[in-house]
Amino acid sequence: MPRILIDRTRCIGAGQCVANAADHFTQSAEDGLSVALAPATTAVQRVAVERAMAACPVQAISLIDDP
């Protein structure tokens, strides 16, 4: 199952991940940075996460395929 990783040292809280894949991302109430909610378990969900990755202005999101 693909895991979503967010490099919070790079994240600037632009919110493009939430705008593109709200089922998989939120922004922390504490610092406004992105937080991954749920893994992408279907092909449709993976496309949404990949869209969020592409929209991230600092490329802070990775999708890791675990065996």
Protein backbone atom coordinates (compact mmCIF):
# COMPACT_ATOMS: atom_id res chain seq x y z
CA MET A 1 0.00 0.00 0.00
CA PRO A 2 1.48 3.38 -0.97
CA ARG A 3 2.36 5.63 1.95
CA ILE A 4 2.24 9.40 1.76
CA LEU A 5 5.26 11.17 3.21
CA ILE A 6 5.45 14.91 3.80
CA ASP A 7 8.77 16.61 4.38
CA ARG A 8 7.63 19.10 7.00
CA THR A 9 11.01 20.85 6.86
CA ARG A 10 10.18 21.84 3.26
CA CYS A 11 6.40 22.34 3.60
CA ILE A 12 5.30 25.98 3.60
CA GLY A 13 1.59 25.34 4.23
CA ALA A 14 0.42 26.47 0.79
CA GLY A 15 -2.53 24.06 1.00
CA GLN A 16 -2.34 22.77 -2.56
CA CYS A 17 -2.32 19.20 -1.28
CA VAL A 18 -5.61 19.76 0.57
CA ALA A 19 -7.10 21.51 -2.46
CA ASN A 20 -6.22 18.58 -4.70
CA ALA A 21 -6.74 15.59 -2.38
CA ALA A 22 -8.73 16.60 0.70
CA ASP A 23 -9.37 12.95 1.62
CA HIS A 24 -5.64 12.43 2.06
CA PHE A 25 -4.33 15.72 3.48
CA THR A 26 -5.14 18.33 6.06
CA GLN A 27 -3.28 21.26 7.55
CA SER A 28 -2.18 21.26 11.15
CA ALA A 29 -4.06 23.66 13.42
CA GLU A 30 -0.79 24.23 15.28
CA ASP A 31 1.53 25.33 12.50
CA GLY A 32 -0.49 25.23 9.27
CA LEU A 33 1.78 22.63 7.70
CA SER A 34 0.43 19.63 5.82
CA VAL A 35 -0.40 16.34 7.46
CA ALA A 36 -1.14 13.08 5.62
CA LEU A 37 -4.43 11.51 6.64
CA ALA A 38 -4.95 8.29 4.72
CA PRO A 39 -2.91 6.22 2.29
CA ALA A 40 -3.88 6.04 -1.37
CA THR A 41 -5.40 2.56 -1.63
CA THR A 42 -7.10 2.74 -5.05
CA ALA A 43 -5.96 3.90 -8.46
CA VAL A 44 -8.32 6.90 -8.30
CA GLN A 45 -6.95 7.91 -4.91
CA ARG A 46 -3.39 7.54 -6.16
CA VAL A 47 -4.14 9.91 -9.05
CA ALA A 48 -5.48 12.48 -6.57
CA VAL A 49 -2.35 12.19 -4.41
CA GLU A 50 -0.10 12.44 -7.47
CA ARG A 51 -2.00 15.60 -8.49
CA ALA A 52 -1.37 17.01 -5.01
CA MET A 53 2.32 16.10 -5.29
CA ALA A 54 2.59 17.93 -8.60
CA ALA A 55 0.79 20.99 -7.20
CA CYS A 56 3.03 21.31 -4.15
CA PRO A 57 5.14 24.43 -4.77
CA VAL A 58 8.09 23.06 -2.78
CA GLN A 59 7.78 19.37 -3.74
CA ALA A 60 7.42 18.29 -0.11
CA ILE A 61 5.21 15.25 -0.82
CA SER A 62 6.40 11.75 -1.68
CA LEU A 63 4.48 8.59 -2.40
CA ILE A 64 6.31 5.46 -1.23
CA ASP A 65 5.26 2.03 -2.48
CA ASP A 66 5.85 -0.46 0.33
CA PRO A 67 6.14 -4.13 -0.59
